[in-house]
N, C-alpha and C. Protein backbone atom coordinates (compact mmCIF):
# COMPACT_ATOMS: atom_id res chain seq x y z
N MET A 1 0.83 -1.19 0.00
CA MET A 1 0.00 0.00 0.00
C MET A 1 0.87 1.25 0.00
N SER A 2 0.58 2.18 -0.86
CA SER A 2 1.32 3.44 -0.84
C SER A 2 0.68 4.37 0.18
N SER A 3 1.44 5.35 0.66
CA SER A 3 0.91 6.26 1.67
C SER A 3 -0.18 7.15 1.11
N ARG A 4 -0.18 7.31 -0.21
CA ARG A 4 -1.16 8.18 -0.84
C ARG A 4 -2.57 7.59 -0.78
N THR A 5 -2.68 6.30 -0.89
CA THR A 5 -3.98 5.66 -0.87
C THR A 5 -4.10 4.70 0.30
N SER A 6 -3.38 4.98 1.36
CA SER A 6 -3.38 4.06 2.50
C SER A 6 -4.76 4.00 3.14
N ARG A 7 -5.14 2.80 3.47
CA ARG A 7 -6.41 2.59 4.18
C ARG A 7 -6.14 1.59 5.28
N HIS A 8 -6.77 1.81 6.37
CA HIS A 8 -6.69 0.87 7.48
C HIS A 8 -8.04 0.19 7.59
N THR A 9 -8.06 -1.01 8.07
CA THR A 9 -9.33 -1.68 8.27
C THR A 9 -9.51 -1.98 9.75
N ILE A 10 -10.67 -1.67 10.22
CA ILE A 10 -11.05 -1.98 11.59
C ILE A 10 -12.32 -2.80 11.50
N ARG A 11 -12.23 -4.06 11.97
CA ARG A 11 -13.35 -4.99 11.91
C ARG A 11 -13.93 -5.10 10.51
N GLY A 12 -13.06 -5.09 9.51
CA GLY A 12 -13.50 -5.27 8.14
C GLY A 12 -13.99 -4.01 7.45
N VAL A 13 -13.96 -2.84 8.14
CA VAL A 13 -14.42 -1.58 7.55
C VAL A 13 -13.20 -0.76 7.17
N ALA A 14 -13.13 -0.31 5.91
CA ALA A 14 -12.01 0.48 5.43
C ALA A 14 -12.10 1.91 5.97
N ILE A 15 -11.01 2.36 6.55
CA ILE A 15 -10.93 3.72 7.10
C ILE A 15 -9.99 4.52 6.20
N PRO A 16 -10.41 5.67 5.69
CA PRO A 16 -9.54 6.44 4.80
C PRO A 16 -8.33 6.98 5.55
N GLY A 17 -7.24 7.17 4.80
CA GLY A 17 -6.02 7.74 5.37
C GLY A 17 -6.18 9.22 5.65
N PRO A 18 -5.20 9.85 6.28
CA PRO A 18 -5.32 11.25 6.66
C PRO A 18 -5.51 12.20 5.48
N GLU A 19 -4.96 11.84 4.31
CA GLU A 19 -5.11 12.72 3.16
C GLU A 19 -6.49 12.61 2.54
N GLN A 20 -7.29 11.62 2.94
CA GLN A 20 -8.60 11.41 2.34
C GLN A 20 -9.75 11.86 3.23
N VAL A 21 -9.47 12.29 4.42
CA VAL A 21 -10.51 12.74 5.33
C VAL A 21 -11.15 14.01 4.77
N ALA A 22 -12.44 14.12 4.90
CA ALA A 22 -13.17 15.27 4.37
C ALA A 22 -12.85 16.51 5.19
N VAL A 23 -11.89 17.28 4.71
CA VAL A 23 -11.47 18.50 5.39
C VAL A 23 -11.65 19.65 4.42
N ARG A 24 -12.29 20.71 4.91
CA ARG A 24 -12.44 21.89 4.07
C ARG A 24 -11.08 22.57 3.90
N SER A 25 -10.81 23.07 2.71
CA SER A 25 -9.55 23.75 2.47
C SER A 25 -9.53 25.10 3.17
N GLN A 26 -10.67 25.73 3.30
CA GLN A 26 -10.78 27.00 4.01
C GLN A 26 -11.28 26.73 5.41
N LYS A 27 -10.57 27.19 6.41
CA LYS A 27 -10.96 26.92 7.79
C LYS A 27 -11.95 27.94 8.35
N GLY A 28 -12.26 28.98 7.60
CA GLY A 28 -13.20 29.99 8.08
C GLY A 28 -14.61 29.46 8.12
N PRO A 29 -15.54 30.22 8.71
CA PRO A 29 -16.94 29.79 8.75
C PRO A 29 -17.52 29.69 7.35
N ARG A 30 -18.52 28.82 7.19
CA ARG A 30 -19.11 28.59 5.86
C ARG A 30 -19.69 29.86 5.25
N VAL A 31 -20.23 30.76 6.07
CA VAL A 31 -20.79 32.01 5.56
C VAL A 31 -19.68 32.83 4.90
N ALA A 32 -18.50 32.81 5.49
CA ALA A 32 -17.39 33.59 4.95
C ALA A 32 -16.98 33.10 3.57
N THR A 33 -17.17 31.83 3.27
CA THR A 33 -16.81 31.32 1.96
C THR A 33 -17.81 31.76 0.89
N LYS A 34 -19.01 32.13 1.28
CA LYS A 34 -20.02 32.56 0.33
C LYS A 34 -19.84 34.02 -0.06
N VAL A 35 -19.24 34.81 0.81
CA VAL A 35 -19.11 36.24 0.60
C VAL A 35 -17.64 36.57 0.33
N ARG A 36 -17.40 37.35 -0.68
CA ARG A 36 -16.04 37.75 -1.01
C ARG A 36 -15.58 38.81 -0.02
N ALA A 37 -14.38 38.67 0.48
CA ALA A 37 -13.84 39.61 1.46
C ALA A 37 -13.59 40.96 0.79
N PRO A 38 -13.97 42.04 1.44
CA PRO A 38 -13.72 43.37 0.87
C PRO A 38 -12.23 43.73 0.99
N LYS A 39 -11.84 44.79 0.29
CA LYS A 39 -10.48 45.29 0.38
C LYS A 39 -10.23 45.79 1.80
N ASP A 40 -9.00 45.75 2.20
CA ASP A 40 -8.63 46.23 3.54
C ASP A 40 -7.90 47.56 3.39
N PRO A 41 -8.37 48.65 3.92
CA PRO A 41 -9.56 48.89 4.71
C PRO A 41 -10.76 49.31 3.85
N THR A 42 -11.96 49.01 4.34
CA THR A 42 -13.21 49.40 3.69
C THR A 42 -14.12 50.04 4.72
N LEU A 43 -14.73 51.16 4.36
CA LEU A 43 -15.72 51.81 5.22
C LEU A 43 -17.11 51.51 4.68
N CYS A 44 -18.05 51.24 5.59
CA CYS A 44 -19.42 50.95 5.20
C CYS A 44 -20.15 52.25 4.89
N ASP A 45 -20.84 52.26 3.74
CA ASP A 45 -21.65 53.43 3.35
C ASP A 45 -22.82 53.63 4.29
N GLY A 46 -23.36 52.54 4.83
CA GLY A 46 -24.57 52.63 5.64
C GLY A 46 -24.34 53.07 7.07
N CYS A 47 -23.40 52.41 7.75
CA CYS A 47 -23.25 52.66 9.20
C CYS A 47 -21.89 53.22 9.59
N GLY A 48 -20.94 53.23 8.67
CA GLY A 48 -19.63 53.77 8.97
C GLY A 48 -18.68 52.78 9.62
N ALA A 49 -19.06 51.49 9.68
CA ALA A 49 -18.18 50.47 10.25
C ALA A 49 -16.94 50.32 9.36
N LEU A 50 -15.84 49.92 9.94
CA LEU A 50 -14.57 49.78 9.23
C LEU A 50 -14.17 48.31 9.15
N TYR A 51 -13.86 47.83 7.93
CA TYR A 51 -13.34 46.48 7.74
C TYR A 51 -11.83 46.59 7.70
N THR A 52 -11.17 45.98 8.68
CA THR A 52 -9.72 45.95 8.72
C THR A 52 -9.28 44.70 9.45
N ARG A 53 -8.16 44.12 9.03
CA ARG A 53 -7.62 42.89 9.62
C ARG A 53 -8.68 41.79 9.69
N LYS A 54 -9.41 41.60 8.57
CA LYS A 54 -10.41 40.54 8.40
C LYS A 54 -11.59 40.64 9.36
N GLN A 55 -11.92 41.84 9.83
CA GLN A 55 -13.03 41.98 10.76
C GLN A 55 -13.69 43.35 10.60
N TRP A 56 -15.02 43.36 10.69
CA TRP A 56 -15.76 44.62 10.70
C TRP A 56 -15.78 45.14 12.13
N ARG A 57 -15.44 46.41 12.29
CA ARG A 57 -15.40 47.03 13.62
C ARG A 57 -16.32 48.24 13.63
N GLY A 58 -16.69 48.67 14.82
CA GLY A 58 -17.57 49.83 14.95
C GLY A 58 -17.00 51.06 14.29
N ALA A 59 -17.83 52.07 14.10
CA ALA A 59 -17.43 53.28 13.39
C ALA A 59 -16.22 53.94 14.06
N PRO A 60 -15.11 54.08 13.32
CA PRO A 60 -13.91 54.70 13.88
C PRO A 60 -13.95 56.22 13.73
N ARG A 61 -12.98 56.88 14.33
CA ARG A 61 -12.82 58.31 14.07
C ARG A 61 -12.27 58.44 12.66
N VAL A 62 -12.95 59.20 11.85
CA VAL A 62 -12.54 59.36 10.45
C VAL A 62 -11.48 60.45 10.37
N THR A 63 -10.34 60.08 9.82
CA THR A 63 -9.24 61.03 9.64
C THR A 63 -8.92 61.14 8.16
N ARG A 64 -8.22 62.20 7.79
CA ARG A 64 -7.86 62.40 6.39
C ARG A 64 -7.02 61.24 5.85
N PRO A 65 -5.98 60.77 6.57
CA PRO A 65 -5.20 59.63 6.04
C PRO A 65 -6.07 58.37 5.83
N LEU A 66 -7.04 58.15 6.71
CA LEU A 66 -7.93 57.00 6.55
C LEU A 66 -8.78 57.16 5.30
N LEU A 67 -9.34 58.36 5.09
CA LEU A 67 -10.18 58.60 3.92
C LEU A 67 -9.41 58.48 2.61
N GLU A 68 -8.11 58.78 2.64
CA GLU A 68 -7.31 58.70 1.41
C GLU A 68 -7.06 57.26 0.97
N LYS A 69 -7.00 56.32 1.93
CA LYS A 69 -6.66 54.95 1.55
C LYS A 69 -7.84 53.97 1.62
N VAL A 70 -9.01 54.44 2.02
CA VAL A 70 -10.14 53.54 2.25
C VAL A 70 -10.94 53.28 0.97
N SER A 71 -11.51 52.08 0.89
CA SER A 71 -12.50 51.74 -0.14
C SER A 71 -13.88 51.86 0.51
N TRP A 72 -14.91 52.00 -0.32
CA TRP A 72 -16.27 52.12 0.21
C TRP A 72 -17.06 50.89 -0.19
N GLY A 73 -17.94 50.45 0.70
CA GLY A 73 -18.78 49.29 0.43
C GLY A 73 -19.85 49.17 1.49
N LEU A 74 -20.49 48.02 1.55
CA LEU A 74 -21.52 47.76 2.56
C LEU A 74 -21.04 46.64 3.47
N CYS A 75 -21.25 46.80 4.76
CA CYS A 75 -20.94 45.72 5.69
C CYS A 75 -22.06 44.67 5.59
N PRO A 76 -21.81 43.44 6.04
CA PRO A 76 -22.84 42.40 5.95
C PRO A 76 -24.14 42.76 6.68
N ALA A 77 -24.05 43.44 7.81
CA ALA A 77 -25.26 43.80 8.55
C ALA A 77 -26.12 44.80 7.79
N CYS A 78 -25.49 45.81 7.18
CA CYS A 78 -26.26 46.77 6.38
C CYS A 78 -26.84 46.11 5.14
N ASP A 79 -26.08 45.21 4.54
CA ASP A 79 -26.56 44.47 3.38
C ASP A 79 -27.78 43.63 3.74
N GLN A 80 -27.71 42.92 4.87
CA GLN A 80 -28.85 42.12 5.32
C GLN A 80 -30.05 43.00 5.63
N SER A 81 -29.82 44.16 6.27
CA SER A 81 -30.91 45.06 6.61
C SER A 81 -31.60 45.58 5.35
N ARG A 82 -30.83 45.97 4.36
CA ARG A 82 -31.41 46.49 3.12
C ARG A 82 -32.20 45.42 2.36
N LYS A 83 -31.71 44.18 2.41
CA LYS A 83 -32.39 43.09 1.72
C LYS A 83 -33.51 42.47 2.55
N GLY A 84 -33.57 42.82 3.84
CA GLY A 84 -34.59 42.25 4.72
C GLY A 84 -34.31 40.81 5.12
N ILE A 85 -33.04 40.42 5.07
CA ILE A 85 -32.64 39.05 5.41
C ILE A 85 -32.17 39.02 6.86
N GLY A 86 -32.57 37.98 7.57
CA GLY A 86 -32.11 37.82 8.94
C GLY A 86 -31.86 36.37 9.26
N TYR A 87 -30.91 36.11 10.14
CA TYR A 87 -30.61 34.73 10.56
C TYR A 87 -31.16 34.44 11.94
N GLY A 88 -31.87 35.40 12.51
CA GLY A 88 -32.52 35.18 13.78
C GLY A 88 -33.92 35.75 13.73
N ARG A 89 -34.88 35.00 14.24
CA ARG A 89 -36.27 35.49 14.30
C ARG A 89 -36.76 35.29 15.71
N VAL A 90 -37.31 36.36 16.28
CA VAL A 90 -37.86 36.33 17.62
C VAL A 90 -39.37 36.47 17.48
N ALA A 91 -40.11 35.51 18.00
CA ALA A 91 -41.57 35.54 17.97
C ALA A 91 -42.07 35.64 19.41
N LEU A 92 -42.61 36.79 19.76
CA LEU A 92 -43.15 37.02 21.10
C LEU A 92 -44.67 36.93 21.01
N SER A 93 -45.27 36.16 21.91
CA SER A 93 -46.71 36.01 21.84
C SER A 93 -47.32 35.96 23.23
N GLY A 94 -48.64 36.12 23.25
CA GLY A 94 -49.39 36.10 24.50
C GLY A 94 -50.01 37.46 24.78
N SER A 95 -50.97 37.49 25.67
CA SER A 95 -51.65 38.74 25.99
C SER A 95 -50.73 39.74 26.66
N PHE A 96 -49.69 39.25 27.33
CA PHE A 96 -48.73 40.12 28.02
C PHE A 96 -48.03 41.04 27.03
N VAL A 97 -47.77 40.57 25.82
CA VAL A 97 -47.05 41.36 24.82
C VAL A 97 -47.85 42.60 24.44
N GLY A 98 -49.13 42.42 24.16
CA GLY A 98 -49.98 43.56 23.79
C GLY A 98 -50.11 44.58 24.90
N GLU A 99 -50.18 44.10 26.14
CA GLU A 99 -50.34 45.00 27.29
C GLU A 99 -49.07 45.75 27.64
N ASN A 100 -47.91 45.18 27.30
CA ASN A 100 -46.63 45.77 27.70
C ASN A 100 -45.71 45.99 26.51
N LEU A 101 -46.27 46.34 25.37
CA LEU A 101 -45.51 46.47 24.14
C LEU A 101 -44.40 47.52 24.24
N VAL A 102 -44.69 48.64 24.86
CA VAL A 102 -43.70 49.71 24.97
C VAL A 102 -42.48 49.25 25.78
N GLU A 103 -42.72 48.59 26.91
CA GLU A 103 -41.61 48.12 27.74
C GLU A 103 -40.80 47.04 27.03
N ILE A 104 -41.48 46.14 26.32
CA ILE A 104 -40.79 45.07 25.60
C ILE A 104 -39.93 45.64 24.48
N ARG A 105 -40.48 46.58 23.71
CA ARG A 105 -39.70 47.21 22.63
C ARG A 105 -38.50 47.97 23.18
N ARG A 106 -38.69 48.64 24.32
CA ARG A 106 -37.58 49.36 24.95
C ARG A 106 -36.49 48.39 25.37
N ARG A 107 -36.88 47.25 25.94
CA ARG A 107 -35.90 46.25 26.38
C ARG A 107 -35.14 45.67 25.17
N ILE A 108 -35.86 45.39 24.10
CA ILE A 108 -35.21 44.88 22.88
C ILE A 108 -34.23 45.91 22.34
N LYS A 109 -34.64 47.17 22.31
CA LYS A 109 -33.77 48.24 21.81
C LYS A 109 -32.50 48.35 22.65
N ASN A 110 -32.64 48.29 23.97
CA ASN A 110 -31.48 48.40 24.86
C ASN A 110 -30.51 47.23 24.68
N VAL A 111 -31.04 46.02 24.59
CA VAL A 111 -30.19 44.84 24.42
C VAL A 111 -29.49 44.89 23.06
N ALA A 112 -30.21 45.32 22.02
CA ALA A 112 -29.61 45.41 20.68
C ALA A 112 -28.52 46.48 20.64
N GLU A 113 -28.73 47.60 21.30
CA GLU A 113 -27.71 48.65 21.35
C GLU A 113 -26.46 48.17 22.07
N ARG A 114 -26.64 47.44 23.15
CA ARG A 114 -25.50 46.89 23.89
C ARG A 114 -24.75 45.88 23.03
N ALA A 115 -25.47 45.03 22.31
CA ALA A 115 -24.84 44.04 21.43
C ALA A 115 -24.10 44.72 20.28
N LYS A 116 -24.68 45.78 19.74
CA LYS A 116 -24.04 46.50 18.63
C LYS A 116 -22.76 47.18 19.09
N TYR A 117 -22.70 47.59 20.34
CA TYR A 117 -21.50 48.23 20.87
C TYR A 117 -20.33 47.25 20.89
N THR A 118 -20.59 46.01 21.31
CA THR A 118 -19.51 45.04 21.40
C THR A 118 -19.27 44.30 20.09
N GLN A 119 -20.32 44.07 19.30
CA GLN A 119 -20.20 43.37 18.02
C GLN A 119 -21.08 44.09 17.01
N SER A 120 -20.46 44.93 16.22
CA SER A 120 -21.20 45.87 15.37
C SER A 120 -22.07 45.21 14.31
N GLN A 121 -21.86 43.95 14.01
CA GLN A 121 -22.64 43.29 12.96
C GLN A 121 -23.93 42.65 13.48
N ARG A 122 -24.18 42.71 14.77
CA ARG A 122 -25.42 42.16 15.33
C ARG A 122 -26.43 43.27 15.51
N ARG A 123 -27.50 43.21 14.71
CA ARG A 123 -28.49 44.28 14.72
C ARG A 123 -29.90 43.74 14.53
N VAL A 124 -30.86 44.56 14.93
CA VAL A 124 -32.26 44.26 14.67
C VAL A 124 -32.58 44.77 13.27
N VAL A 125 -33.13 43.90 12.43
CA VAL A 125 -33.47 44.27 11.06
C VAL A 125 -34.87 44.87 11.01
N SER A 126 -35.84 44.24 11.71
CA SER A 126 -37.21 44.76 11.66
C SER A 126 -38.03 44.33 12.87
N PHE A 127 -39.02 45.17 13.19
CA PHE A 127 -40.06 44.88 14.17
C PHE A 127 -41.36 44.76 13.39
N GLU A 128 -42.17 43.77 13.71
CA GLU A 128 -43.46 43.66 13.04
C GLU A 128 -44.51 43.21 14.04
N ARG A 129 -45.56 43.98 14.17
CA ARG A 129 -46.67 43.65 15.06
C ARG A 129 -47.51 42.56 14.40
N THR A 130 -47.83 41.51 15.14
CA THR A 130 -48.67 40.43 14.62
C THR A 130 -49.96 40.37 15.43
N GLU A 131 -50.88 39.49 15.02
CA GLU A 131 -52.14 39.34 15.76
C GLU A 131 -51.90 38.95 17.21
N ASP A 132 -50.96 38.04 17.40
CA ASP A 132 -50.73 37.47 18.72
C ASP A 132 -49.58 38.12 19.49
N GLY A 133 -48.82 39.02 18.85
CA GLY A 133 -47.69 39.61 19.56
C GLY A 133 -46.79 40.43 18.69
N LEU A 134 -45.50 40.04 18.67
CA LEU A 134 -44.48 40.82 17.99
C LEU A 134 -43.46 39.88 17.35
N ASP A 135 -43.04 40.19 16.11
CA ASP A 135 -41.98 39.46 15.43
C ASP A 135 -40.80 40.40 15.25
N VAL A 136 -39.61 39.93 15.58
CA VAL A 136 -38.39 40.71 15.43
C VAL A 136 -37.42 39.88 14.60
N ILE A 137 -36.85 40.48 13.56
CA ILE A 137 -35.84 39.82 12.73
C ILE A 137 -34.49 40.44 13.07
N THR A 138 -33.47 39.58 13.26
CA THR A 138 -32.12 40.05 13.60
C THR A 138 -31.12 39.53 12.58
N THR A 139 -29.95 40.17 12.53
CA THR A 139 -28.92 39.75 11.58
C THR A 139 -28.20 38.49 12.03
N SER A 140 -28.28 38.14 13.30
CA SER A 140 -27.55 36.96 13.79
C SER A 140 -28.42 36.10 14.70
N GLN A 141 -28.07 34.82 14.77
CA GLN A 141 -28.76 33.90 15.66
C GLN A 141 -28.50 34.29 17.12
N LYS A 142 -27.27 34.68 17.40
CA LYS A 142 -26.88 34.99 18.77
C LYS A 142 -27.69 36.17 19.32
N LEU A 143 -27.92 37.18 18.52
CA LEU A 143 -28.71 38.32 19.00
C LEU A 143 -30.15 37.91 19.28
N ALA A 144 -30.73 37.07 18.43
CA ALA A 144 -32.09 36.60 18.66
C ALA A 144 -32.16 35.81 19.97
N HIS A 145 -31.18 34.96 20.18
CA HIS A 145 -31.11 34.17 21.42
C HIS A 145 -30.98 35.09 22.63
N ARG A 146 -30.12 36.08 22.50
CA ARG A 146 -29.88 37.02 23.59
C ARG A 146 -31.13 37.85 23.92
N LEU A 147 -31.84 38.29 22.88
CA LEU A 147 -33.07 39.07 23.10
C LEU A 147 -34.11 38.28 23.87
N VAL A 148 -34.35 37.04 23.44
CA VAL A 148 -35.37 36.23 24.11
C VAL A 148 -34.93 35.90 25.54
N ARG A 149 -33.66 35.63 25.72
CA ARG A 149 -33.16 35.34 27.07
C ARG A 149 -33.33 36.54 27.99
N GLU A 150 -33.04 37.73 27.51
CA GLU A 150 -33.19 38.95 28.32
C GLU A 150 -34.67 39.25 28.60
N ILE A 151 -35.55 39.01 27.64
CA ILE A 151 -36.98 39.23 27.86
C ILE A 151 -37.50 38.22 28.88
N GLU A 152 -37.03 37.00 28.79
CA GLU A 152 -37.43 35.97 29.76
C GLU A 152 -36.96 36.35 31.17
N LYS A 153 -35.75 36.87 31.29
CA LYS A 153 -35.24 37.28 32.60
C LYS A 153 -36.02 38.47 33.15
N ALA A 154 -36.36 39.41 32.27
CA ALA A 154 -37.03 40.63 32.72
C ALA A 154 -38.51 40.43 33.03
N PHE A 155 -39.21 39.64 32.22
CA PHE A 155 -40.66 39.55 32.33
C PHE A 155 -41.19 38.16 32.68
N GLY A 156 -40.33 37.16 32.82
CA GLY A 156 -40.79 35.80 33.06
C GLY A 156 -41.23 35.17 31.76
N GLY A 157 -42.14 34.23 31.82
CA GLY A 157 -42.63 33.57 30.61
C GLY A 157 -41.79 32.36 30.25
N LYS A 158 -42.05 31.81 29.07
CA LYS A 158 -41.38 30.59 28.62
C LYS A 158 -40.70 30.83 27.27
N ALA A 159 -39.43 30.49 27.18
CA ALA A 159 -38.67 30.65 25.94
C ALA A 159 -38.37 29.28 25.33
N ARG A 160 -38.36 29.24 23.99
CA ARG A 160 -37.97 28.04 23.25
C ARG A 160 -37.11 28.46 22.07
N TYR A 161 -36.16 27.61 21.74
CA TYR A 161 -35.23 27.90 20.66
C TYR A 161 -35.19 26.73 19.69
N SER A 162 -35.21 27.02 18.39
CA SER A 162 -35.05 25.95 17.40
C SER A 162 -34.24 26.49 16.22
N TRP A 163 -33.18 25.74 15.89
CA TRP A 163 -32.29 26.11 14.81
C TRP A 163 -32.67 25.34 13.56
N ALA A 164 -32.64 26.01 12.41
CA ALA A 164 -32.92 25.37 11.13
C ALA A 164 -31.69 24.59 10.68
N ALA A 165 -31.90 23.41 10.15
CA ALA A 165 -30.78 22.56 9.73
C ALA A 165 -30.11 23.08 8.45
N ASP A 166 -30.88 23.72 7.57
CA ASP A 166 -30.32 24.11 6.27
C ASP A 166 -29.38 25.31 6.34
N ASP A 167 -29.77 26.39 7.00
CA ASP A 167 -28.92 27.58 7.03
C ASP A 167 -28.50 27.99 8.44
N GLY A 168 -28.94 27.27 9.46
CA GLY A 168 -28.53 27.58 10.82
C GLY A 168 -29.27 28.74 11.45
N SER A 169 -30.32 29.24 10.79
CA SER A 169 -31.07 30.36 11.37
C SER A 169 -31.82 29.89 12.62
N LEU A 170 -32.11 30.84 13.49
CA LEU A 170 -32.74 30.53 14.76
C LEU A 170 -34.15 31.11 14.83
N LEU A 171 -35.07 30.31 15.29
CA LEU A 171 -36.40 30.79 15.64
C LEU A 171 -36.48 30.71 17.15
N ALA A 172 -36.50 31.88 17.78
CA ALA A 172 -36.60 31.95 19.24
C ALA A 172 -38.00 32.44 19.58
N THR A 173 -38.74 31.65 20.35
CA THR A 173 -40.11 32.03 20.71
C THR A 173 -40.20 32.28 22.20
N TRP A 174 -41.06 33.21 22.56
CA TRP A 174 -41.31 33.53 23.97
C TRP A 174 -42.79 33.76 24.12
N LYS A 175 -43.34 33.22 25.21
CA LYS A 175 -44.78 33.35 25.44
C LYS A 175 -45.05 33.61 26.90
N LYS A 176 -45.97 34.52 27.15
CA LYS A 176 -46.44 34.78 28.51
C LYS A 176 -47.87 35.28 28.42
N GLY A 177 -48.70 34.70 29.25
CA GLY A 177 -50.09 35.15 29.37
C GLY A 177 -50.90 34.79 28.23
């Protein structure tokens, strides 16, 4: 057996060699392979976030030297917001939501602002009033999870989380009353 096609057998089952194991050539997240990386540095037209060292960061202080060497584009969060695409959905339901809508929206806004401060790409895309409550679309699964967890801590109720197998999006539901 050559090392190139080496196989080991365990209990009669052929095991591929190390060169045959299904390994992605790119170690980055799968989403990153779908989107072409912008030039370094790039400023977002929508929110002013800066792409540098392979990461989008919050809006920096804009200086003349920065403006001279920067490219312009859209960050993924602004792109998702403009297209109305979200990877997190929060569904709030129950009579409690209608009675306390102002407080719930304020809590969502505060949690989203705090998340945006630490990770600028996590944002609320839309709020939509439904018959039974409120639907919120977010740019990330983590923000949707965080919103429902914070609402559960603040107001009680029951939270449930379910991730989609195809794209990894999250449906986070919360119900009270």
